[in-house]
């Protein structure tokens, strides 16, 4: 991460207005995952370039120091690199998600993302088995594509993160997935926790993530042990994953609640701001001139275990967050 982006994160944090945002720029996707229904949506929507650039400007005004560009499949959007470039110009740390690695080998996209200042490529990585991986995403030869794409990425300055969903195939074999990801050259690994969402914008669910509570807890316990070895570059905080275990065992005993709608946000392809992907509540439209920072005020939530929102919320609980900050800084030195 460039020094300017790091200073911007620290400045917003010290001012108490640091925010993290996922911006879904399209609902089009090549993958047809069994645990996500976005690919079924019609019509296919791609955000307007100029409106999206304006939206990123407004997010910076609201204290957003990190922007994750997602979809659907964001690399299908013809202007994705322009959005990364704008985020970089505004000193926002940024990541771009990818579900179809073949797209990384087209149109010189890796060089364009590097030049635009992309900090991290987050690539879906659900299984250490190529057949299972292809079946889960409905993309033939996806692991071969990924291996070739990673060889190309290593010729750039881009950092890569394997985005691992805990699901029926891997909850009891997460180290196998981590070993394969490390051998393929990933710099970091992030775990996503299985969750269901009936959101009309971002529906999530399916048989693949219909794990029992005990199996999810088993997977999270394994992820915590792997995190503590510091062998695989796992960015999820062990304290955060234990917080999710506490939630699954007894929601009333959860130590840290989610700050979605306060410090963590979801911006959809209609430019509406939501507390997260799961809740239907809209906090306003980012392009509305009347949209103020004071609109981003919600009571802490404890209704789900959605990883990105709950993990990042852990950093925003005042003095109680100091151990999480220290743990994360120690485990992700190369990322920062």
Protein backbone atom coordinates (compact mmCIF):
# COMPACT_ATOMS: atom_id res chain seq x y z
CA UNK A 1 0.00 0.00 0.00
CA UNK A 2 1.38 3.42 -0.94
CA UNK A 3 2.26 5.82 1.87
CA UNK A 4 -0.44 8.28 0.85
CA UNK A 5 -3.13 5.62 1.13
CA UNK A 6 -1.78 4.48 4.49
CA UNK A 7 -1.78 8.05 5.83
CA UNK A 8 -5.34 8.56 4.59
CA UNK A 9 -6.52 5.46 6.47
CA UNK A 10 -4.81 6.63 9.65
CA UNK A 11 -6.16 10.18 9.31
CA UNK A 12 -9.76 9.04 8.86
CA UNK A 13 -9.37 6.53 11.69
CA UNK A 14 -8.09 9.16 14.12
CA UNK A 15 -10.96 11.45 13.13
CA UNK A 16 -13.44 8.68 13.91
CA UNK A 17 -14.84 8.67 10.37
CA UNK A 18 -12.94 5.83 8.68
CA UNK A 19 -15.27 3.78 6.50
CA UNK A 20 -14.93 0.74 4.26
CA UNK A 21 -17.16 0.22 1.23
CA UNK A 22 -17.96 -2.53 -1.24
CA UNK A 23 -19.09 -1.09 -4.57
CA UNK A 24 -20.91 -3.55 -6.86
CA UNK A 25 -20.45 -2.13 -10.36
CA UNK A 26 -22.35 -4.83 -12.28
CA UNK A 27 -24.58 -7.84 -11.75
CA UNK A 28 -23.16 -9.59 -14.83
CA UNK A 29 -21.03 -12.64 -14.05
CA UNK A 30 -19.43 -15.53 -15.93
CA UNK A 31 -19.53 -17.86 -12.92
CA UNK A 32 -22.76 -19.63 -12.01
CA UNK A 33 -22.06 -20.37 -8.37
CA UNK A 34 -24.35 -22.66 -6.43
CA UNK A 35 -24.27 -20.29 -3.45
CA UNK A 36 -25.03 -17.01 -5.26
CA UNK A 37 -27.95 -16.07 -7.52
CA UNK A 38 -26.65 -12.80 -8.95
CA UNK A 39 -25.84 -14.46 -12.28
CA UNK A 40 -29.57 -15.20 -12.69
CA UNK A 41 -30.56 -11.53 -12.55
CA UNK A 42 -31.99 -9.69 -15.55
CA UNK A 43 -31.49 -7.17 -16.95
CA UNK A 44 -27.72 -7.03 -16.71
CA UNK A 45 -26.61 -3.70 -15.31
CA UNK A 46 -23.30 -1.91 -15.69
CA UNK A 47 -22.90 1.34 -13.76
CA UNK A 48 -22.46 4.48 -15.82
CA UNK A 49 -18.82 5.54 -15.85
CA UNK A 50 -19.26 9.21 -14.99
CA UNK A 51 -21.83 8.53 -12.30
CA UNK A 52 -19.59 5.88 -10.78
CA UNK A 53 -16.62 8.25 -10.71
CA UNK A 54 -18.82 10.82 -8.99
CA UNK A 55 -19.94 8.14 -6.51
CA UNK A 56 -16.31 7.33 -5.65
CA UNK A 57 -15.67 11.04 -5.08
CA UNK A 58 -18.63 11.15 -2.68
CA UNK A 59 -17.41 8.06 -0.85
CA UNK A 60 -14.08 9.77 -0.25
CA UNK A 61 -15.97 12.74 1.19
CA UNK A 62 -17.68 10.34 3.61
CA UNK A 63 -14.36 9.10 4.96
CA UNK A 64 -14.05 5.90 2.93
CA UNK A 65 -10.42 4.83 3.10
CA UNK A 66 -10.82 1.38 1.54
CA UNK A 67 -12.90 0.50 -1.52
CA UNK A 68 -13.54 -3.05 -2.69
CA UNK A 69 -14.82 -3.17 -6.27
CA UNK A 70 -17.10 -6.14 -6.70
CA UNK A 71 -20.01 -7.38 -8.80
CA UNK A 72 -21.14 -9.78 -10.25
CA UNK A 73 -17.81 -9.95 -12.01
CA UNK A 74 -16.27 -6.45 -11.96
CA UNK A 75 -13.72 -7.27 -14.67
CA UNK A 76 -16.61 -7.50 -17.13
CA UNK A 77 -17.14 -3.75 -16.71
CA UNK A 78 -15.22 -1.87 -19.43
CA UNK A 79 -14.33 0.99 -17.05
CA UNK A 80 -13.14 -0.95 -14.02
CA UNK A 81 -9.60 0.40 -14.30
CA UNK A 82 -10.94 3.98 -14.39
CA UNK A 83 -12.67 3.33 -11.07
CA UNK A 84 -9.46 1.96 -9.57
CA UNK A 85 -7.53 4.95 -10.88
CA UNK A 86 -10.01 7.36 -9.28
CA UNK A 87 -9.83 5.53 -5.95
CA UNK A 88 -6.03 5.71 -6.07
CA UNK A 89 -6.12 9.43 -6.87
CA UNK A 90 -8.28 9.91 -3.77
CA UNK A 91 -5.77 7.91 -1.67
CA UNK A 92 -8.19 5.03 -1.15
CA UNK A 93 -6.74 1.60 -0.58
CA UNK A 94 -8.58 -0.62 -3.06
CA UNK A 95 -9.19 -4.20 -4.08
CA UNK A 96 -10.80 -5.76 -7.14
CA UNK A 97 -12.63 -9.07 -6.89
CA UNK A 98 -12.46 -11.76 -9.56
CA UNK A 99 -14.37 -15.02 -10.00
CA UNK A 100 -13.30 -15.98 -13.54
CA UNK A 101 -9.46 -16.05 -13.78
CA UNK A 102 -9.55 -16.24 -17.58
CA UNK A 103 -10.47 -12.54 -17.57
CA UNK A 104 -7.10 -11.72 -16.02
CA UNK A 105 -5.38 -12.90 -19.18
CA UNK A 106 -7.31 -10.64 -21.56
CA UNK A 107 -6.89 -7.09 -22.84
CA UNK A 108 -3.70 -6.43 -20.87
CA UNK A 109 -5.95 -5.98 -17.81
CA UNK A 110 -3.22 -6.79 -15.27
CA UNK A 111 -0.95 -4.02 -16.56
CA UNK A 112 -3.89 -1.61 -16.60
CA UNK A 113 -4.84 -2.45 -13.01
CA UNK A 114 -1.21 -2.12 -11.93
CA UNK A 115 -0.89 1.29 -13.60
CA UNK A 116 -4.20 2.39 -12.04
CA UNK A 117 -2.89 1.65 -8.55
CA UNK A 118 -4.82 -1.48 -7.64
CA UNK A 119 -3.60 -2.75 -4.28
CA UNK A 120 -5.06 -6.25 -4.22
CA UNK A 121 -6.64 -8.73 -6.60
CA UNK A 122 -9.02 -10.93 -4.61
CA UNK A 123 -9.67 -14.17 -6.50
CA UNK A 124 -12.33 -16.72 -5.53
CA UNK A 125 -10.69 -19.97 -4.39
CA UNK A 126 -13.15 -22.48 -2.96
CA UNK A 127 -11.38 -25.83 -3.14
CA UNK A 128 -7.98 -27.43 -3.51
CA UNK A 129 -9.51 -29.89 -5.98
CA UNK A 130 -9.71 -28.67 -9.61
CA UNK A 131 -12.82 -30.74 -10.40
CA UNK A 132 -14.71 -29.47 -7.35
CA UNK A 133 -13.61 -25.91 -8.08
CA UNK A 134 -14.87 -26.11 -11.66
CA UNK A 135 -18.16 -27.62 -10.55
CA UNK A 136 -18.76 -25.08 -7.77
CA UNK A 137 -18.28 -22.14 -10.13
CA UNK A 138 -19.52 -23.82 -13.33
CA UNK A 139 -16.35 -22.69 -15.11
CA UNK A 140 -14.48 -25.52 -16.91
CA UNK A 141 -10.72 -25.68 -16.28
CA UNK A 142 -10.90 -22.77 -13.81
CA UNK A 143 -7.88 -23.99 -11.84
CA UNK A 144 -5.73 -24.20 -14.96
CA UNK A 145 -6.81 -20.68 -15.90
CA UNK A 146 -5.96 -19.53 -12.39
CA UNK A 147 -2.47 -21.05 -12.49
CA UNK A 148 -1.72 -19.33 -15.80
CA UNK A 149 -3.16 -16.03 -14.58
CA UNK A 150 -1.10 -16.19 -11.38
CA UNK A 151 2.06 -16.64 -13.43
CA UNK A 152 1.20 -13.42 -15.23
CA UNK A 153 0.31 -11.60 -12.01
CA UNK A 154 3.71 -12.44 -10.53
CA UNK A 155 5.30 -10.36 -13.28
CA UNK A 156 3.52 -7.28 -11.89
CA UNK A 157 3.53 -5.49 -8.52
CA UNK A 158 -0.06 -6.54 -7.81
CA UNK A 159 -0.77 -8.37 -4.56
CA UNK A 160 -3.11 -11.36 -4.71
CA UNK A 161 -5.54 -12.73 -2.17
CA UNK A 162 -7.31 -16.09 -2.32
CA UNK A 163 -10.91 -15.50 -1.23
CA UNK A 164 -11.95 -18.79 0.38
CA UNK A 165 -15.59 -19.46 1.18
CA UNK A 166 -16.10 -21.93 4.02
CA UNK A 167 -18.63 -24.40 2.60
CA UNK A 168 -19.59 -28.07 2.51
CA UNK A 169 -16.55 -29.10 0.48
CA UNK A 170 -13.80 -27.56 2.61
CA UNK A 171 -14.91 -26.85 6.20
CA UNK A 172 -12.94 -29.93 7.32
CA UNK A 173 -9.98 -29.51 4.93
CA UNK A 174 -9.12 -25.80 5.01
CA UNK A 175 -5.39 -26.39 5.34
CA UNK A 176 -5.41 -28.30 2.04
CA UNK A 177 -6.97 -25.23 0.40
CA UNK A 178 -4.40 -22.94 2.05
CA UNK A 179 -1.50 -25.13 0.93
CA UNK A 180 -2.70 -25.13 -2.68
CA UNK A 181 -3.25 -21.37 -2.61
CA UNK A 182 0.22 -20.77 -1.18
CA UNK A 183 1.81 -23.11 -3.74
CA UNK A 184 0.02 -21.21 -6.49
CA UNK A 185 1.65 -18.01 -5.28
CA UNK A 186 -1.08 -16.10 -3.44
CA UNK A 187 0.19 -13.44 -1.07
CA UNK A 188 -2.78 -13.62 1.30
CA UNK A 189 -5.87 -15.63 2.13
CA UNK A 190 -9.21 -14.40 3.40
CA UNK A 191 -11.98 -16.63 4.68
CA UNK A 192 -15.63 -15.88 3.93
CA UNK A 193 -18.20 -17.26 6.35
CA UNK A 194 -21.27 -19.01 4.90
CA UNK A 195 -24.40 -16.89 5.13
CA UNK A 196 -27.82 -16.56 3.52
CA UNK A 197 -29.33 -13.38 2.18
CA UNK A 198 -32.78 -12.76 0.74
CA UNK A 199 -31.76 -9.33 -0.51
CA UNK A 200 -33.28 -8.58 -3.93
CA UNK A 201 -30.03 -6.90 -4.94
CA UNK A 202 -27.58 -9.47 -3.58
CA UNK A 203 -29.17 -12.89 -2.96
CA UNK A 204 -26.92 -15.49 -1.33
CA UNK A 205 -27.62 -19.07 -0.33
CA UNK A 206 -27.83 -22.56 -1.76
CA UNK A 207 -27.14 -26.14 -0.81
CA UNK A 208 -23.37 -25.69 -0.85
CA UNK A 209 -23.41 -23.45 2.23
CA UNK A 210 -26.20 -25.25 4.07
CA UNK A 211 -23.78 -26.30 6.78
CA UNK A 212 -24.91 -27.08 10.29
CA UNK A 213 -23.89 -24.61 12.95
CA UNK A 214 -21.42 -27.15 14.35
CA UNK A 215 -19.73 -27.60 10.97
CA UNK A 216 -19.33 -23.84 10.52
CA UNK A 217 -17.85 -23.64 14.01
CA UNK A 218 -15.51 -26.54 13.13
CA UNK A 219 -14.35 -24.68 10.02
CA UNK A 220 -13.82 -21.43 11.91
CA UNK A 221 -11.88 -23.24 14.61
CA UNK A 222 -9.58 -24.68 11.95
CA UNK A 223 -9.20 -21.24 10.36
CA UNK A 224 -8.18 -19.76 13.73
CA UNK A 225 -5.52 -22.43 14.20
CA UNK A 226 -4.20 -21.82 10.68
CA UNK A 227 -4.18 -18.06 11.29
CA UNK A 228 -2.08 -18.48 14.40
CA UNK A 229 0.60 -20.44 12.54
CA UNK A 230 1.29 -17.33 10.38
CA UNK A 231 2.21 -19.71 7.52
CA UNK A 232 -0.43 -18.72 4.98
CA UNK A 233 -0.95 -14.96 5.21
CA UNK A 234 -4.51 -15.25 6.53
CA UNK A 235 -5.88 -11.75 7.02
CA UNK A 236 -8.97 -12.59 9.10
CA UNK A 237 -8.37 -11.74 12.74
CA UNK A 238 -8.43 -14.76 15.05
CA UNK A 239 -10.33 -12.59 17.54
CA UNK A 240 -12.92 -11.79 14.86
CA UNK A 241 -13.39 -15.43 13.93
CA UNK A 242 -13.81 -16.32 17.60
CA UNK A 243 -16.42 -13.56 17.77
CA UNK A 244 -18.34 -15.31 14.98
CA UNK A 245 -18.10 -18.62 16.84
CA UNK A 246 -19.54 -16.89 19.92
CA UNK A 247 -22.36 -15.51 17.76
CA UNK A 248 -23.17 -18.94 16.34
CA UNK A 249 -23.21 -20.53 19.78
CA UNK A 250 -25.28 -17.79 21.42
CA UNK A 251 -25.97 -14.46 19.69
CA UNK A 252 -26.65 -12.80 23.04
CA UNK A 253 -23.05 -13.43 24.07
CA UNK A 254 -21.45 -11.86 21.01
CA UNK A 255 -18.68 -9.51 22.13
CA UNK A 256 -18.47 -7.29 19.04
CA UNK A 257 -21.52 -6.33 16.99
CA UNK A 258 -21.44 -5.34 13.31
CA UNK A 259 -21.14 -1.66 12.40
CA UNK A 260 -22.67 -1.99 8.93
CA UNK A 261 -24.41 1.28 8.14
CA UNK A 262 -21.85 3.20 10.19
CA UNK A 263 -18.28 2.34 9.31
CA UNK A 264 -18.91 -0.43 6.76
CA UNK A 265 -21.13 0.08 3.71
CA UNK A 266 -22.41 -1.58 0.55
CA UNK A 267 -23.01 0.51 -2.58
CA UNK A 268 -25.09 -1.24 -5.25
CA UNK A 269 -25.31 -0.75 -9.02
CA UNK A 270 -28.24 1.63 -8.51
CA UNK A 271 -25.93 3.80 -6.37
CA UNK A 272 -28.01 3.09 -3.26
CA UNK A 273 -26.09 2.73 0.01
CA UNK A 274 -26.96 -0.24 2.24
CA UNK A 275 -25.60 -1.25 5.66
CA UNK A 276 -24.45 -4.50 4.03
CA UNK A 277 -25.34 -6.88 1.20
CA UNK A 278 -27.87 -8.66 3.36
CA UNK A 279 -30.13 -5.95 4.79
CA UNK A 280 -32.69 -4.42 2.41
CA UNK A 281 -32.55 -1.07 4.25
CA UNK A 282 -31.33 1.83 2.09
CA UNK A 283 -29.50 4.69 3.77
CA UNK A 284 -29.73 6.95 0.75
CA UNK A 285 -28.45 7.35 -2.79
CA UNK A 286 -24.80 8.38 -3.07
CA UNK A 287 -25.61 10.68 -6.00
CA UNK A 288 -28.34 12.51 -4.10
CA UNK A 289 -27.17 16.03 -3.24
CA UNK A 290 -28.97 15.66 0.08
CA UNK A 291 -26.94 12.59 1.08
CA UNK A 292 -25.04 13.57 4.25
CA UNK A 293 -22.57 11.83 6.49
CA UNK A 294 -25.13 12.10 9.28
CA UNK A 295 -27.29 9.61 7.33
CA UNK A 296 -24.77 6.88 8.15
CA UNK A 297 -25.98 6.24 11.66
CA UNK A 298 -27.32 2.81 12.55
CA UNK A 299 -27.50 0.85 15.75
CA UNK A 300 -24.88 -1.95 15.87
CA UNK A 301 -26.32 -5.12 14.31
CA UNK A 302 -26.06 -8.77 15.32
CA UNK A 303 -28.31 -10.45 12.75
CA UNK A 304 -25.83 -12.43 10.65
CA UNK A 305 -22.22 -13.59 10.33
CA UNK A 306 -21.30 -11.89 7.03
CA UNK A 307 -17.51 -11.91 7.10
CA UNK A 308 -16.36 -8.71 5.35
CA UNK A 309 -18.67 -6.47 7.37
CA UNK A 310 -18.16 -8.13 10.73
CA UNK A 311 -14.39 -8.49 10.34
CA UNK A 312 -13.87 -4.83 9.44
CA UNK A 313 -16.26 -3.67 12.16
CA UNK A 314 -13.88 -5.20 14.69
CA UNK A 315 -11.45 -2.32 14.14
CA UNK A 316 -13.99 0.36 15.04
CA UNK A 317 -14.89 -0.44 18.64
CA UNK A 318 -12.63 2.06 20.37
CA UNK A 319 -10.19 0.83 23.00
CA UNK A 320 -11.58 -2.70 22.73
CA UNK A 321 -10.21 -2.86 19.19
CA UNK A 322 -6.57 -2.33 20.15
CA UNK A 323 -5.79 -6.09 20.48
CA UNK A 324 -7.41 -6.72 17.07
CA UNK A 325 -5.39 -3.91 15.49
CA UNK A 326 -2.15 -5.24 16.95
CA UNK A 327 -2.95 -8.81 15.86
CA UNK A 328 -3.82 -7.73 12.33
CA UNK A 329 -0.78 -5.50 11.94
CA UNK A 330 1.47 -8.35 13.03
CA UNK A 331 -0.17 -10.81 10.63
CA UNK A 332 -0.40 -8.56 7.55
CA UNK A 333 2.87 -6.57 7.58
CA UNK A 334 3.52 -7.24 3.89
CA UNK A 335 -0.01 -6.17 2.97
CA UNK A 336 0.42 -2.75 4.55
